[in-house]
Amino acid sequence: MADKEAAPALKEIFNPQRIRHIADEASLVSPAFDRALFLARCSDFDQGSLMARMGRVAESLHAALPGDYAANIAVLRELAPRLNSSFVTLILPDYVARHGAGHFETSMDALKFFTTFGSSEFAVRHFLQRDFARTLAVMETWAHDENEHVRRLASEGSRPRLPWSFQIKPLMRDPSPLEPILNALKDDPSLYVRRSVANSLNDITKDNPAWALDRIERWPLEKTGTAWIAKHALRSLIKKGDRRALTIIGAGAVPRVALTGLRVSPAAITLGQTIDIAFELSSLADESQRLVVDYAIHYVKKSGGVAAKVFKLKTLELAEGAVEQVRKRQSIANFTTRIHYPGRHDIEILINGQVHGRASFELLPD
């Protein structure tokens, strides 16, 4: 059977067809838009990264628009609903980040508007960096907005460690300015927003775990939405076996189980193949137990050392005397964030943060 074609890189969303689409729609919105100049400015970025391409398009818009900042924002507000990709609309808040520093109120209002079409999470961080207190005060009002995209911008844009963006160092040192936003959204009806709140808190656990745990422990965890946020916010601490985090999700007790039949097969593989992890859990308790079951793979590094990576497996309620069959298939293939090296790879099974079984497989040289 023929191999499946690889999916195009995300940066390819800014391809020649998309650039012409942007040019066509901008020309319809603003007859004074210099279409030829815009296309010329965007004609040579084949080697650029995703963010570099986004920036090139935003700067090309700036060159081709004839007005001052306020007039150009008015044009871009009309352009936003005409663009045929929500991801492509990120060029609009990027424009704000690049050219709106001296127009705070206009820029904040524009970011709030543009986020409803895609997201302004990257752009707003430039304003946090330049004018932290003033920007965060506006973001606190966004946390109470009727639009879920705006509420999410309040939490996502203020994450201390947002991926694909720079870190907000003051919030890594002291996350307390985020408390009004997190409190306002701790039981948000939108899963889109709750996931963002959980991600922000997970960021905080990496630098200030006690702060995050203190706040979550005081939240109304009997509410379904809040409990969902807590579980996902604490995922990094749970993987580390943090007892307070496990207790919050009801898995803080020492597990009373027997783990038997652990096997990893095949025992030796080459890169690109899959291993199968299987074992049996038997309850040794006289009552039901909540168990968080994870597994860690100790990956061989280029230097010959190892580094463990913990993966979620399942959370389960194991009744008195019950037996649970657990199985997981894992592909061992290279990708952007992990390169594999030959050698013995140990696997540990973690139950409520404690190691209950070990096995291994050998990754053979190509």
Protein backbone atom coordinates (compact mmCIF):
# COMPACT_ATOMS: atom_id res chain seq x y z
CA MET A 1 0.00 0.00 0.00
CA ALA A 2 1.35 3.44 -0.89
CA ASP A 3 2.47 5.71 1.91
CA LYS A 4 0.13 8.53 2.83
CA GLU A 5 1.26 11.95 1.68
CA ALA A 6 2.62 14.09 4.49
CA ALA A 7 0.36 16.92 5.53
CA PRO A 8 1.64 20.31 4.37
CA ALA A 9 3.50 22.39 6.94
CA LEU A 10 1.32 24.92 8.73
CA LYS A 11 3.39 27.76 7.30
CA GLU A 12 2.13 26.78 3.84
CA ILE A 13 -1.20 28.36 4.75
CA PHE A 14 0.53 31.55 3.57
CA ASN A 15 0.93 30.37 0.00
CA PRO A 16 0.62 32.39 -3.25
CA GLN A 17 -3.09 31.62 -3.56
CA ARG A 18 -3.74 32.88 -0.04
CA ILE A 19 -1.71 36.03 -0.64
CA ARG A 20 -3.76 36.80 -3.75
CA HIS A 21 -6.94 36.20 -1.75
CA ILE A 22 -5.83 38.72 0.88
CA ALA A 23 -4.89 41.21 -1.84
CA ASP A 24 -8.21 40.79 -3.63
CA GLU A 25 -10.29 41.26 -0.50
CA ALA A 26 -8.25 44.23 0.72
CA SER A 27 -8.69 45.90 -2.68
CA LEU A 28 -12.44 45.48 -2.44
CA VAL A 29 -12.51 46.98 1.05
CA SER A 30 -10.16 49.85 0.19
CA PRO A 31 -9.86 50.98 -3.46
CA ALA A 32 -6.72 52.93 -2.46
CA PHE A 33 -4.99 49.70 -1.33
CA ASP A 34 -1.83 49.21 -3.40
CA ARG A 35 -2.39 45.65 -4.54
CA ALA A 36 0.73 45.47 -6.73
CA LEU A 37 2.98 46.69 -3.92
CA PHE A 38 1.46 44.20 -1.48
CA LEU A 39 2.00 41.27 -3.86
CA ALA A 40 5.56 42.37 -4.56
CA ARG A 41 6.38 42.59 -0.85
CA CYS A 42 4.98 39.06 -0.30
CA SER A 43 6.59 37.46 -3.33
CA ASP A 44 9.71 35.99 -1.75
CA PHE A 45 9.24 34.25 1.58
CA ASP A 46 9.40 30.59 0.60
CA GLN A 47 12.07 29.85 3.20
CA GLY A 48 10.45 31.78 6.02
CA SER A 49 8.99 30.22 9.14
CA LEU A 50 5.30 30.45 9.95
CA MET A 51 5.72 33.46 12.22
CA ALA A 52 8.13 35.12 9.78
CA ARG A 53 5.60 34.77 6.98
CA MET A 54 2.86 36.17 9.17
CA GLY A 55 5.04 39.16 9.96
CA ARG A 56 5.90 39.69 6.30
CA VAL A 57 2.22 39.80 5.37
CA ALA A 58 1.44 42.23 8.18
CA GLU A 59 4.28 44.55 7.12
CA SER A 60 3.20 44.29 3.49
CA LEU A 61 -0.30 45.36 4.48
CA HIS A 62 1.21 48.36 6.24
CA ALA A 63 3.15 49.35 3.12
CA ALA A 64 0.12 48.97 0.87
CA LEU A 65 -2.44 50.76 3.06
CA PRO A 66 -2.61 54.50 2.41
CA GLY A 67 -3.92 55.90 5.70
CA ASP A 68 -2.73 56.64 9.19
CA TYR A 69 -2.98 53.99 11.92
CA ALA A 70 -6.62 54.66 12.84
CA ALA A 71 -7.71 54.66 9.18
CA ASN A 72 -5.79 51.46 8.47
CA ILE A 73 -7.35 49.72 11.48
CA ALA A 74 -10.77 50.66 10.14
CA VAL A 75 -9.90 48.99 6.82
CA LEU A 76 -8.57 45.88 8.55
CA ARG A 77 -11.75 45.61 10.64
CA GLU A 78 -13.70 45.41 7.39
CA LEU A 79 -11.20 42.92 5.98
CA ALA A 80 -11.37 40.52 8.94
CA PRO A 81 -14.72 38.81 8.13
CA ARG A 82 -13.77 38.49 4.46
CA LEU A 83 -10.66 36.36 4.99
CA ASN A 84 -11.18 32.67 4.26
CA SER A 85 -9.16 31.22 7.14
CA SER A 86 -9.38 31.93 10.86
CA PHE A 87 -5.66 31.29 11.18
CA VAL A 88 -4.86 33.80 8.46
CA THR A 89 -6.70 36.49 10.40
CA LEU A 90 -3.78 36.42 12.87
CA ILE A 91 -2.04 38.86 10.51
CA LEU A 92 -4.47 41.53 11.71
CA PRO A 93 -3.60 41.52 15.45
CA ASP A 94 0.03 41.12 14.37
CA TYR A 95 -0.36 44.42 12.52
CA VAL A 96 -1.68 45.95 15.75
CA ALA A 97 1.31 44.64 17.71
CA ARG A 98 3.74 46.09 15.19
CA HIS A 99 2.19 49.52 14.67
CA GLY A 100 -0.20 50.23 17.53
CA ALA A 101 2.12 51.01 20.43
CA GLY A 102 1.27 54.70 20.40
CA HIS A 103 -2.48 54.16 20.12
CA PHE A 104 -3.34 52.14 23.22
CA GLU A 105 -7.15 52.46 23.33
CA THR A 106 -7.57 51.94 19.57
CA SER A 107 -5.24 48.96 19.68
CA MET A 108 -6.95 47.27 22.64
CA ASP A 109 -10.33 47.69 20.98
CA ALA A 110 -8.93 46.29 17.72
CA LEU A 111 -7.42 43.24 19.45
CA LYS A 112 -10.73 42.54 21.15
CA PHE A 113 -12.49 42.71 17.78
CA PHE A 114 -9.92 40.68 15.81
CA THR A 115 -9.80 37.86 18.37
CA THR A 116 -13.38 36.89 17.48
CA PHE A 117 -12.17 35.85 14.02
CA GLY A 118 -9.00 34.00 15.05
CA SER A 119 -7.00 35.01 18.10
CA SER A 120 -5.10 38.04 19.39
CA GLU A 121 -3.22 36.02 22.01
CA PHE A 122 0.24 36.65 20.54
CA ALA A 123 -0.28 40.32 19.76
CA VAL A 124 -1.59 41.36 23.17
CA ARG A 125 1.61 40.12 24.81
CA HIS A 126 3.55 42.96 23.18
CA PHE A 127 1.33 45.40 25.04
CA LEU A 128 1.80 43.46 28.28
CA GLN A 129 5.53 43.75 27.75
CA ARG A 130 5.39 47.50 27.09
CA ASP A 131 2.65 48.59 29.53
CA PHE A 132 1.99 45.69 31.88
CA ALA A 133 -0.44 47.17 34.42
CA ARG A 134 -2.53 49.12 31.92
CA THR A 135 -2.88 46.18 29.55
CA LEU A 136 -3.70 43.69 32.29
CA ALA A 137 -6.41 46.01 33.58
CA VAL A 138 -8.10 45.90 30.17
CA MET A 139 -7.71 42.13 30.03
CA GLU A 140 -9.49 41.83 33.38
CA THR A 141 -12.55 43.46 31.80
CA TRP A 142 -12.32 41.02 28.88
CA ALA A 143 -12.67 38.14 31.36
CA HIS A 144 -16.29 39.27 31.91
CA ASP A 145 -17.19 39.74 28.24
CA GLU A 146 -20.21 37.95 26.77
CA ASN A 147 -18.11 36.60 23.86
CA GLU A 148 -16.17 33.43 24.66
CA HIS A 149 -13.35 34.40 22.29
CA VAL A 150 -12.78 37.63 24.21
CA ARG A 151 -12.91 35.83 27.57
CA ARG A 152 -10.38 33.32 26.29
CA LEU A 153 -8.11 36.14 25.15
CA ALA A 154 -7.97 37.35 28.76
CA SER A 155 -6.57 34.02 29.98
CA GLU A 156 -4.65 32.81 26.92
CA GLY A 157 -2.94 36.11 26.15
CA SER A 158 -1.74 36.44 29.74
CA ARG A 159 -0.29 32.93 30.07
CA PRO A 160 3.20 33.17 31.56
CA ARG A 161 4.62 30.59 29.11
CA LEU A 162 2.44 30.73 26.00
CA PRO A 163 3.87 28.41 23.29
CA TRP A 164 5.12 30.13 20.11
CA SER A 165 5.54 33.38 22.03
CA PHE A 166 7.91 35.01 24.46
CA GLN A 167 7.52 34.46 28.19
CA ILE A 168 5.98 37.11 30.44
CA LYS A 169 8.76 37.22 33.05
CA PRO A 170 6.90 39.31 35.68
CA LEU A 171 4.11 36.71 35.75
CA MET A 172 6.62 33.87 36.00
CA ARG A 173 8.07 35.54 39.07
CA ASP A 174 4.72 36.49 40.61
CA PRO A 175 1.45 35.19 39.10
CA SER A 176 -0.79 37.02 41.59
CA PRO A 177 -1.84 39.72 39.06
CA LEU A 178 -3.60 36.92 37.13
CA GLU A 179 -5.86 35.98 40.04
CA PRO A 180 -8.81 38.24 39.04
CA ILE A 181 -8.83 36.75 35.52
CA LEU A 182 -8.54 33.15 36.70
CA ASN A 183 -11.21 33.62 39.37
CA ALA A 184 -13.61 35.17 36.88
CA LEU A 185 -13.22 32.20 34.51
CA LYS A 186 -12.88 29.28 36.94
CA ASP A 187 -16.33 27.89 36.03
CA ASP A 188 -16.77 29.35 32.56
CA PRO A 189 -19.53 27.69 30.51
CA SER A 190 -17.24 27.44 27.48
CA LEU A 191 -14.84 24.50 27.23
CA TYR A 192 -12.74 26.70 24.91
CA VAL A 193 -12.24 29.13 27.78
CA ARG A 194 -11.84 26.49 30.50
CA ARG A 195 -9.07 24.80 28.53
CA SER A 196 -7.23 28.14 28.34
CA VAL A 197 -7.60 28.71 32.09
CA ALA A 198 -6.22 25.22 32.74
CA ASN A 199 -3.27 25.89 30.43
CA SER A 200 -2.50 29.17 32.18
CA LEU A 201 -2.53 27.46 35.56
CA ASN A 202 -0.38 24.64 34.22
CA ASP A 203 2.13 27.28 33.13
CA ILE A 204 2.07 28.68 36.66
CA THR A 205 2.72 25.26 38.24
CA LYS A 206 6.09 25.16 36.46
CA ASP A 207 7.36 28.23 38.34
CA ASN A 208 5.01 28.68 41.33
CA PRO A 209 3.39 25.31 42.10
CA ALA A 210 2.39 26.20 45.66
CA TRP A 211 0.62 29.36 44.46
CA ALA A 212 -1.44 27.38 41.93
CA LEU A 213 -2.27 24.64 44.44
CA ASP A 214 -3.30 27.15 47.10
CA ARG A 215 -5.79 28.80 44.73
CA ILE A 216 -7.22 25.61 43.27
CA GLU A 217 -7.74 24.09 46.72
CA ARG A 218 -9.97 27.06 47.59
CA TRP A 219 -12.07 26.77 44.43
CA PRO A 220 -15.55 25.15 44.43
CA LEU A 221 -14.38 21.82 43.05
CA GLU A 222 -17.87 20.35 43.40
CA LYS A 223 -18.70 22.29 40.23
CA THR A 224 -18.10 20.20 37.12
CA GLY A 225 -16.43 22.94 35.11
CA THR A 226 -14.10 23.96 37.92
CA ALA A 227 -13.14 20.35 38.63
CA TRP A 228 -12.34 19.91 34.92
CA ILE A 229 -10.05 22.94 35.00
CA ALA A 230 -8.31 21.70 38.15
CA LYS A 231 -7.58 18.27 36.71
CA HIS A 232 -6.12 19.65 33.49
CA ALA A 233 -4.29 22.51 35.22
CA LEU A 234 -2.46 20.08 37.49
CA ARG A 235 -1.42 17.61 34.80
CA SER A 236 2.30 18.44 35.00
CA LEU A 237 2.31 18.11 38.80
CA ILE A 238 0.29 14.89 38.60
CA LYS A 239 2.85 13.41 36.21
CA LYS A 240 5.50 14.23 38.80
CA GLY A 241 3.51 12.46 41.50
CA ASP A 242 2.83 15.63 43.48
CA ARG A 243 0.77 14.50 46.47
CA ARG A 244 -1.23 17.74 46.84
CA ALA A 245 -2.18 17.71 43.17
CA LEU A 246 -3.20 14.06 43.29
CA THR A 247 -5.26 14.70 46.42
CA ILE A 248 -7.17 17.51 44.70
CA ILE A 249 -8.37 15.09 42.00
CA GLY A 250 -9.16 12.38 44.55
CA ALA A 251 -6.11 10.19 43.93
CA GLY A 252 -3.91 11.18 46.85
CA ALA A 253 -4.06 7.88 48.73
CA VAL A 254 -1.29 5.30 48.46
CA PRO A 255 -2.59 2.79 45.89
CA ARG A 256 -3.32 -0.72 47.16
CA VAL A 257 -2.91 -2.73 43.98
CA ALA A 258 -0.92 -5.56 42.48
CA LEU A 259 0.55 -4.98 39.02
CA THR A 260 1.25 -8.22 37.18
CA GLY A 261 2.03 -9.43 33.70
CA LEU A 262 3.82 -6.30 32.57
CA ARG A 263 5.22 -6.81 29.11
CA VAL A 264 6.55 -4.58 26.35
CA SER A 265 6.50 -6.14 22.92
CA PRO A 266 8.31 -6.55 20.72
CA ALA A 267 11.44 -6.55 22.82
CA ALA A 268 13.47 -4.93 20.04
CA ILE A 269 12.33 -2.54 17.31
CA THR A 270 13.71 -0.17 14.70
CA LEU A 271 12.78 3.47 14.35
CA GLY A 272 9.24 3.97 13.05
CA GLN A 273 7.82 0.82 14.62
CA THR A 274 5.34 0.55 17.48
CA ILE A 275 5.58 -1.03 20.91
CA ASP A 276 2.71 -2.53 22.88
CA ILE A 277 2.61 -2.01 26.67
CA ALA A 278 0.27 -4.30 28.60
CA PHE A 279 -0.31 -5.24 32.24
CA GLU A 280 -2.98 -6.19 34.76
CA LEU A 281 -4.04 -4.24 37.86
CA SER A 282 -5.70 -6.08 40.75
CA SER A 283 -7.27 -4.29 43.70
CA LEU A 284 -5.95 -5.16 47.17
CA ALA A 285 -8.29 -2.72 48.93
CA ASP A 286 -11.64 -3.26 50.59
CA GLU A 287 -13.10 -0.16 48.94
CA SER A 288 -13.06 1.60 45.58
CA GLN A 289 -9.89 3.50 44.68
CA ARG A 290 -9.29 6.32 42.21
CA LEU A 291 -6.08 5.58 40.35
CA VAL A 292 -4.09 7.82 38.01
CA VAL A 293 -2.10 5.50 35.78
CA ASP A 294 0.79 6.95 33.76
CA TYR A 295 3.88 5.54 32.12
CA ALA A 296 7.36 6.99 31.74
CA ILE A 297 9.74 6.20 28.89
CA HIS A 298 13.40 6.81 29.65
CA TYR A 299 14.59 7.98 26.24
CA VAL A 300 18.21 7.53 25.28
CA LYS A 301 19.89 10.86 24.54
CA LYS A 302 22.55 11.60 21.94
CA SER A 303 25.13 11.74 24.75
CA GLY A 304 24.21 8.22 25.85
CA GLY A 305 22.38 9.33 28.97
CA VAL A 306 18.64 9.07 29.44
CA ALA A 307 15.76 11.50 30.02
CA ALA A 308 12.33 10.42 31.23
CA LYS A 309 9.12 11.58 29.59
CA VAL A 310 5.84 10.85 31.40
CA PHE A 311 2.71 10.10 29.36
CA LYS A 312 -0.89 9.96 30.53
CA LEU A 313 -2.45 6.51 30.31
CA LYS A 314 -5.79 6.56 32.15
CA THR A 315 -7.64 7.53 35.30
CA LEU A 316 -9.92 4.86 36.66
CA GLU A 317 -12.06 3.86 39.61
CA LEU A 318 -10.93 0.38 40.67
CA ALA A 319 -13.61 -1.32 42.73
CA GLU A 320 -12.94 -3.63 45.66
CA GLY A 321 -11.50 -6.90 44.33
CA ALA A 322 -11.64 -5.69 40.73
CA VAL A 323 -9.12 -6.52 38.01
CA GLU A 324 -8.35 -4.12 35.16
CA GLN A 325 -6.57 -4.99 31.93
CA VAL A 326 -4.50 -2.04 30.69
CA ARG A 327 -2.93 -1.73 27.26
CA LYS A 328 -1.24 1.05 25.33
CA ARG A 329 0.37 1.22 21.90
CA GLN A 330 3.18 3.75 21.40
CA SER A 331 4.86 4.73 18.16
CA ILE A 332 8.62 5.24 18.33
CA ALA A 333 9.25 7.71 15.53
CA ASN A 334 11.16 10.94 15.15
CA PHE A 335 9.28 14.22 15.06
CA THR A 336 10.04 17.90 15.59
CA THR A 337 10.40 17.86 19.36
CA ARG A 338 12.02 14.46 19.86
CA ILE A 339 14.83 12.58 18.10
CA HIS A 340 15.35 8.95 19.09
CA TYR A 341 18.72 7.25 19.57
CA PRO A 342 19.51 3.53 19.69
CA GLY A 343 19.82 1.72 23.00
CA ARG A 344 17.84 0.30 25.87
CA HIS A 345 14.74 2.31 26.78
CA ASP A 346 13.30 1.61 30.23
CA ILE A 347 9.58 1.98 30.86
CA GLU A 348 8.03 2.59 34.29
CA ILE A 349 4.35 2.25 35.19
CA LEU A 350 3.29 4.99 37.63
CA ILE A 351 0.17 4.68 39.79
CA ASN A 352 -0.74 7.78 41.80
CA GLY A 353 2.80 8.96 41.22
CA GLN A 354 4.50 5.78 42.49
CA VAL A 355 6.46 3.31 40.39
CA HIS A 356 4.75 -0.10 40.36
CA GLY A 357 6.46 -1.86 37.49
CA ARG A 358 9.42 -1.68 35.11
CA ALA A 359 10.19 -3.16 31.72
CA SER A 360 12.25 -2.18 28.68
CA PHE A 361 12.69 -2.44 24.94
CA GLU A 362 15.71 -2.07 22.70
CA LEU A 363 15.78 0.48 19.88
CA LEU A 364 18.08 -0.98 17.23
CA PRO A 365 20.28 1.09 14.91
CA ASP A 366 18.92 1.65 11.42
